[in-house]
Amino acid sequence: MTQGDHTLRAYATLVSLRDGVPDKSLVNEKWVHEYNAALQRLSSALSRDLSEFTVRPEELQRAESGYDPSTDSSTYREGLWCDRAVLMQRLHAVLTYFTGMQEGKIGFDPS
């Protein structure tokens, strides 16, 4: 595969994630892992450091699924979860960066 093909595949994965991440306040860590893997492939294909766009491990957390006031205890969903807003912010940021990089300009065109 060529560099362009690697770049296009990684970008396509990021776009599909943007359109496919469930519309819930928390998303399962599998979405974050897929995003970070696509970001790493894009970073390698472009030979650029894109680490500022990653979702960091500390942004994953356990998610409470229930609370029993009689025992003052919580139950938790399986796995780790991420605020959807965090994932989507990073995803939109890297897609905006990539688009600006491809167009060769950043900013507004006053015309």
N, C-alpha and C. Protein backbone atom coordinates (compact mmCIF):
# COMPACT_ATOMS: atom_id res chain seq x y z
N MET A 1 0.84 -1.18 0.00
CA MET A 1 0.00 0.00 0.00
C MET A 1 0.88 1.25 0.00
N THR A 2 0.40 2.27 -0.63
CA THR A 2 1.12 3.53 -0.70
C THR A 2 0.80 4.38 0.51
N GLN A 3 1.59 5.44 0.71
CA GLN A 3 1.33 6.37 1.80
C GLN A 3 -0.06 6.99 1.66
N GLY A 4 -0.42 7.34 0.43
CA GLY A 4 -1.74 7.93 0.18
C GLY A 4 -2.86 6.97 0.54
N ASP A 5 -2.66 5.69 0.24
CA ASP A 5 -3.68 4.70 0.56
C ASP A 5 -3.82 4.54 2.08
N HIS A 6 -2.69 4.48 2.79
CA HIS A 6 -2.73 4.39 4.26
C HIS A 6 -3.44 5.61 4.85
N THR A 7 -3.13 6.77 4.31
CA THR A 7 -3.75 8.01 4.78
C THR A 7 -5.26 7.98 4.55
N LEU A 8 -5.65 7.61 3.36
CA LEU A 8 -7.08 7.58 3.02
C LEU A 8 -7.84 6.56 3.86
N ARG A 9 -7.25 5.41 4.11
CA ARG A 9 -7.90 4.39 4.94
C ARG A 9 -8.10 4.88 6.37
N ALA A 10 -7.06 5.49 6.94
CA ALA A 10 -7.18 6.00 8.31
C ALA A 10 -8.21 7.11 8.39
N TYR A 11 -8.18 8.01 7.41
CA TYR A 11 -9.15 9.11 7.37
C TYR A 11 -10.58 8.56 7.23
N ALA A 12 -10.76 7.57 6.37
CA ALA A 12 -12.09 6.97 6.18
C ALA A 12 -12.59 6.35 7.48
N THR A 13 -11.71 5.73 8.24
CA THR A 13 -12.10 5.15 9.52
C THR A 13 -12.53 6.24 10.49
N LEU A 14 -11.80 7.35 10.51
CA LEU A 14 -12.16 8.45 11.40
C LEU A 14 -13.52 9.04 11.03
N VAL A 15 -13.77 9.20 9.74
CA VAL A 15 -15.07 9.73 9.30
C VAL A 15 -16.19 8.76 9.67
N SER A 16 -15.94 7.47 9.49
CA SER A 16 -16.98 6.49 9.83
C SER A 16 -17.25 6.47 11.33
N LEU A 17 -16.21 6.68 12.12
CA LEU A 17 -16.41 6.77 13.57
C LEU A 17 -17.25 8.00 13.92
N ARG A 18 -16.94 9.12 13.27
CA ARG A 18 -17.71 10.35 13.52
C ARG A 18 -19.20 10.09 13.29
N ASP A 19 -19.51 9.34 12.25
CA ASP A 19 -20.90 9.09 11.89
C ASP A 19 -21.51 7.92 12.64
N GLY A 20 -20.68 7.05 13.24
CA GLY A 20 -21.21 5.83 13.83
C GLY A 20 -21.18 5.72 15.34
N VAL A 21 -20.49 6.63 16.02
CA VAL A 21 -20.43 6.54 17.48
C VAL A 21 -21.84 6.72 18.04
N PRO A 22 -22.26 5.83 18.94
CA PRO A 22 -23.61 5.93 19.49
C PRO A 22 -23.87 7.30 20.12
N ASP A 23 -25.09 7.75 19.98
CA ASP A 23 -25.48 9.06 20.49
C ASP A 23 -25.95 8.92 21.94
N LYS A 24 -25.02 8.61 22.81
CA LYS A 24 -25.29 8.46 24.24
C LYS A 24 -24.24 9.28 24.98
N SER A 25 -24.49 9.61 26.21
CA SER A 25 -23.55 10.46 26.94
C SER A 25 -22.22 9.76 27.20
N LEU A 26 -22.24 8.44 27.35
CA LEU A 26 -21.02 7.66 27.53
C LEU A 26 -20.89 6.64 26.41
N VAL A 27 -19.66 6.44 25.95
CA VAL A 27 -19.42 5.42 24.93
C VAL A 27 -18.40 4.42 25.46
N ASN A 28 -18.58 3.18 25.07
CA ASN A 28 -17.71 2.10 25.50
C ASN A 28 -16.30 2.32 25.00
N GLU A 29 -15.34 1.83 25.76
CA GLU A 29 -13.93 2.01 25.43
C GLU A 29 -13.55 1.46 24.06
N LYS A 30 -14.31 0.51 23.50
CA LYS A 30 -13.97 -0.04 22.19
C LYS A 30 -13.95 1.06 21.13
N TRP A 31 -14.83 2.06 21.26
CA TRP A 31 -14.86 3.18 20.32
C TRP A 31 -13.59 4.02 20.44
N VAL A 32 -13.15 4.21 21.67
CA VAL A 32 -11.92 4.98 21.92
C VAL A 32 -10.71 4.24 21.36
N HIS A 33 -10.66 2.94 21.57
CA HIS A 33 -9.53 2.16 21.06
C HIS A 33 -9.50 2.18 19.53
N GLU A 34 -10.66 2.07 18.91
CA GLU A 34 -10.70 2.13 17.45
C GLU A 34 -10.27 3.51 16.95
N TYR A 35 -10.73 4.56 17.62
CA TYR A 35 -10.34 5.92 17.26
C TYR A 35 -8.83 6.11 17.41
N ASN A 36 -8.28 5.74 18.58
CA ASN A 36 -6.85 5.93 18.80
C ASN A 36 -6.01 5.12 17.81
N ALA A 37 -6.47 3.93 17.44
CA ALA A 37 -5.74 3.11 16.46
C ALA A 37 -5.76 3.78 15.08
N ALA A 38 -6.90 4.31 14.68
CA ALA A 38 -6.99 5.01 13.38
C ALA A 38 -6.12 6.26 13.40
N LEU A 39 -6.12 6.96 14.53
CA LEU A 39 -5.30 8.15 14.67
C LEU A 39 -3.81 7.80 14.56
N GLN A 40 -3.41 6.69 15.15
CA GLN A 40 -2.02 6.24 15.07
C GLN A 40 -1.65 5.88 13.63
N ARG A 41 -2.56 5.23 12.92
CA ARG A 41 -2.30 4.89 11.50
C ARG A 41 -2.16 6.17 10.67
N LEU A 42 -3.00 7.16 10.93
CA LEU A 42 -2.91 8.42 10.22
C LEU A 42 -1.60 9.13 10.56
N SER A 43 -1.24 9.12 11.82
CA SER A 43 0.01 9.73 12.26
C SER A 43 1.21 9.10 11.56
N SER A 44 1.21 7.78 11.47
CA SER A 44 2.30 7.07 10.80
C SER A 44 2.32 7.37 9.30
N ALA A 45 1.15 7.37 8.67
CA ALA A 45 1.08 7.61 7.23
C ALA A 45 1.55 9.02 6.88
N LEU A 46 1.26 9.98 7.76
CA LEU A 46 1.63 11.37 7.49
C LEU A 46 2.99 11.76 8.06
N SER A 47 3.57 10.86 8.85
CA SER A 47 4.83 11.15 9.56
C SER A 47 4.69 12.43 10.38
N ARG A 48 3.58 12.53 11.10
CA ARG A 48 3.31 13.69 11.96
C ARG A 48 2.88 13.21 13.34
N ASP A 49 3.24 13.98 14.34
CA ASP A 49 2.82 13.69 15.71
C ASP A 49 1.40 14.22 15.91
N LEU A 50 0.47 13.31 16.07
CA LEU A 50 -0.94 13.69 16.29
C LEU A 50 -1.38 13.32 17.71
N SER A 51 -0.42 13.11 18.60
CA SER A 51 -0.75 12.62 19.94
C SER A 51 -1.66 13.56 20.73
N GLU A 52 -1.65 14.85 20.41
CA GLU A 52 -2.52 15.77 21.15
C GLU A 52 -4.00 15.49 20.88
N PHE A 53 -4.29 14.73 19.84
CA PHE A 53 -5.68 14.41 19.50
C PHE A 53 -6.15 13.09 20.11
N THR A 54 -5.27 12.35 20.77
CA THR A 54 -5.67 11.06 21.33
C THR A 54 -6.58 11.25 22.54
N VAL A 55 -7.37 10.22 22.80
CA VAL A 55 -8.13 10.14 24.05
C VAL A 55 -7.22 9.38 25.00
N ARG A 56 -6.86 10.03 26.10
CA ARG A 56 -5.89 9.47 27.03
C ARG A 56 -6.55 8.43 27.96
N PRO A 57 -5.77 7.48 28.44
CA PRO A 57 -6.32 6.43 29.33
C PRO A 57 -7.05 6.99 30.55
N GLU A 58 -6.57 8.10 31.08
CA GLU A 58 -7.23 8.66 32.27
C GLU A 58 -8.60 9.26 31.96
N GLU A 59 -8.93 9.37 30.68
CA GLU A 59 -10.25 9.88 30.30
C GLU A 59 -11.28 8.75 30.18
N LEU A 60 -10.83 7.54 30.43
CA LEU A 60 -11.74 6.38 30.50
C LEU A 60 -12.05 6.14 31.97
N GLN A 61 -13.29 5.76 32.25
CA GLN A 61 -13.71 5.59 33.63
C GLN A 61 -14.73 4.47 33.75
N ARG A 62 -14.94 4.04 34.97
CA ARG A 62 -16.02 3.10 35.23
C ARG A 62 -17.33 3.87 35.18
N ALA A 63 -18.37 3.21 34.74
CA ALA A 63 -19.68 3.87 34.63
C ALA A 63 -20.67 3.17 35.56
N GLU A 64 -21.28 3.97 36.39
CA GLU A 64 -22.27 3.44 37.33
C GLU A 64 -23.53 3.02 36.57
N SER A 65 -24.03 1.85 36.89
CA SER A 65 -25.27 1.39 36.24
C SER A 65 -26.45 1.39 37.21
N GLY A 66 -26.14 1.47 38.48
CA GLY A 66 -27.22 1.49 39.46
C GLY A 66 -26.71 1.81 40.85
N TYR A 67 -27.64 2.21 41.69
CA TYR A 67 -27.30 2.53 43.07
C TYR A 67 -28.40 2.00 43.98
N ASP A 68 -27.99 1.35 45.05
CA ASP A 68 -28.93 0.81 46.03
C ASP A 68 -28.78 1.62 47.32
N PRO A 69 -29.74 2.53 47.59
CA PRO A 69 -29.62 3.37 48.79
C PRO A 69 -29.68 2.58 50.09
N SER A 70 -30.33 1.44 50.06
CA SER A 70 -30.45 0.66 51.30
C SER A 70 -29.09 0.10 51.74
N THR A 71 -28.22 -0.15 50.79
CA THR A 71 -26.88 -0.66 51.12
C THR A 71 -25.80 0.37 50.85
N ASP A 72 -26.21 1.51 50.33
CA ASP A 72 -25.28 2.59 49.96
C ASP A 72 -24.16 2.06 49.05
N SER A 73 -24.59 1.26 48.05
CA SER A 73 -23.59 0.69 47.14
C SER A 73 -24.02 0.88 45.69
N SER A 74 -23.03 0.98 44.86
CA SER A 74 -23.25 1.16 43.43
C SER A 74 -22.87 -0.10 42.67
N THR A 75 -23.52 -0.29 41.54
CA THR A 75 -23.09 -1.33 40.60
C THR A 75 -22.58 -0.61 39.36
N TYR A 76 -21.68 -1.27 38.65
CA TYR A 76 -21.03 -0.62 37.51
C TYR A 76 -21.17 -1.46 36.25
N ARG A 77 -21.20 -0.77 35.12
CA ARG A 77 -21.19 -1.44 33.82
C ARG A 77 -19.84 -2.13 33.64
N GLU A 78 -19.85 -3.13 32.81
CA GLU A 78 -18.60 -3.82 32.50
C GLU A 78 -17.72 -2.93 31.63
N GLY A 79 -16.43 -2.98 31.85
CA GLY A 79 -15.48 -2.23 31.03
C GLY A 79 -15.35 -0.78 31.45
N LEU A 80 -14.65 -0.04 30.61
CA LEU A 80 -14.45 1.38 30.85
C LEU A 80 -15.24 2.18 29.83
N TRP A 81 -15.52 3.43 30.18
CA TRP A 81 -16.38 4.29 29.37
C TRP A 81 -15.76 5.67 29.25
N CYS A 82 -16.14 6.37 28.21
CA CYS A 82 -15.62 7.71 27.94
C CYS A 82 -16.79 8.64 27.68
N ASP A 83 -16.67 9.87 28.15
CA ASP A 83 -17.68 10.86 27.80
C ASP A 83 -17.67 11.02 26.28
N ARG A 84 -18.83 10.88 25.67
CA ARG A 84 -18.93 11.00 24.22
C ARG A 84 -18.41 12.35 23.76
N ALA A 85 -18.68 13.39 24.54
CA ALA A 85 -18.24 14.74 24.16
C ALA A 85 -16.72 14.82 24.02
N VAL A 86 -15.99 14.12 24.87
CA VAL A 86 -14.52 14.12 24.79
C VAL A 86 -14.07 13.47 23.49
N LEU A 87 -14.60 12.28 23.21
CA LEU A 87 -14.23 11.57 21.98
C LEU A 87 -14.58 12.39 20.75
N MET A 88 -15.78 12.94 20.72
CA MET A 88 -16.21 13.69 19.54
C MET A 88 -15.42 14.98 19.36
N GLN A 89 -15.04 15.63 20.44
CA GLN A 89 -14.24 16.85 20.34
C GLN A 89 -12.89 16.53 19.69
N ARG A 90 -12.24 15.45 20.15
CA ARG A 90 -10.95 15.06 19.58
C ARG A 90 -11.09 14.64 18.12
N LEU A 91 -12.15 13.92 17.83
CA LEU A 91 -12.40 13.46 16.47
C LEU A 91 -12.64 14.64 15.53
N HIS A 92 -13.47 15.57 15.92
CA HIS A 92 -13.71 16.76 15.09
C HIS A 92 -12.43 17.58 14.93
N ALA A 93 -11.65 17.67 15.99
CA ALA A 93 -10.41 18.45 15.93
C ALA A 93 -9.43 17.85 14.92
N VAL A 94 -9.24 16.54 14.95
CA VAL A 94 -8.27 15.94 14.02
C VAL A 94 -8.80 15.99 12.59
N LEU A 95 -10.10 15.84 12.39
CA LEU A 95 -10.64 15.95 11.03
C LEU A 95 -10.50 17.37 10.50
N THR A 96 -10.69 18.36 11.36
CA THR A 96 -10.50 19.75 10.96
C THR A 96 -9.03 20.01 10.63
N TYR A 97 -8.14 19.49 11.45
CA TYR A 97 -6.70 19.63 11.20
C TYR A 97 -6.33 19.00 9.86
N PHE A 98 -6.81 17.80 9.64
CA PHE A 98 -6.50 17.08 8.40
C PHE A 98 -7.03 17.85 7.19
N THR A 99 -8.25 18.35 7.27
CA THR A 99 -8.84 19.11 6.16
C THR A 99 -8.03 20.37 5.89
N GLY A 100 -7.65 21.10 6.93
CA GLY A 100 -6.84 22.30 6.77
C GLY A 100 -5.49 22.00 6.18
N MET A 101 -4.91 20.87 6.59
CA MET A 101 -3.61 20.46 6.06
C MET A 101 -3.71 20.14 4.57
N GLN A 102 -4.79 19.47 4.18
CA GLN A 102 -4.97 19.09 2.78
C GLN A 102 -5.22 20.30 1.89
N GLU A 103 -5.91 21.29 2.42
CA GLU A 103 -6.21 22.48 1.64
C GLU A 103 -5.02 23.43 1.60
N GLY A 104 -4.05 23.21 2.49
CA GLY A 104 -2.86 24.04 2.50
C GLY A 104 -3.06 25.42 3.07
N LYS A 105 -4.18 25.60 3.76
CA LYS A 105 -4.41 26.91 4.37
C LYS A 105 -5.21 26.73 5.64
N ILE A 106 -5.06 27.69 6.48
CA ILE A 106 -5.80 27.70 7.74
C ILE A 106 -6.38 29.10 7.89
N GLY A 107 -7.59 29.18 8.36
CA GLY A 107 -8.20 30.48 8.58
C GLY A 107 -9.37 30.70 7.66
N PHE A 108 -9.80 31.91 7.59
CA PHE A 108 -10.99 32.26 6.81
C PHE A 108 -10.60 32.98 5.55
N ASP A 109 -11.37 32.73 4.50
CA ASP A 109 -11.18 33.41 3.23
C ASP A 109 -12.16 34.58 3.19
N PRO A 110 -11.67 35.82 3.23
CA PRO A 110 -12.57 36.97 3.33
C PRO A 110 -13.39 37.23 2.08
N SER A 111 -13.09 36.56 0.98
CA SER A 111 -13.84 36.84 -0.26
C SER A 111 -15.20 36.18 -0.28
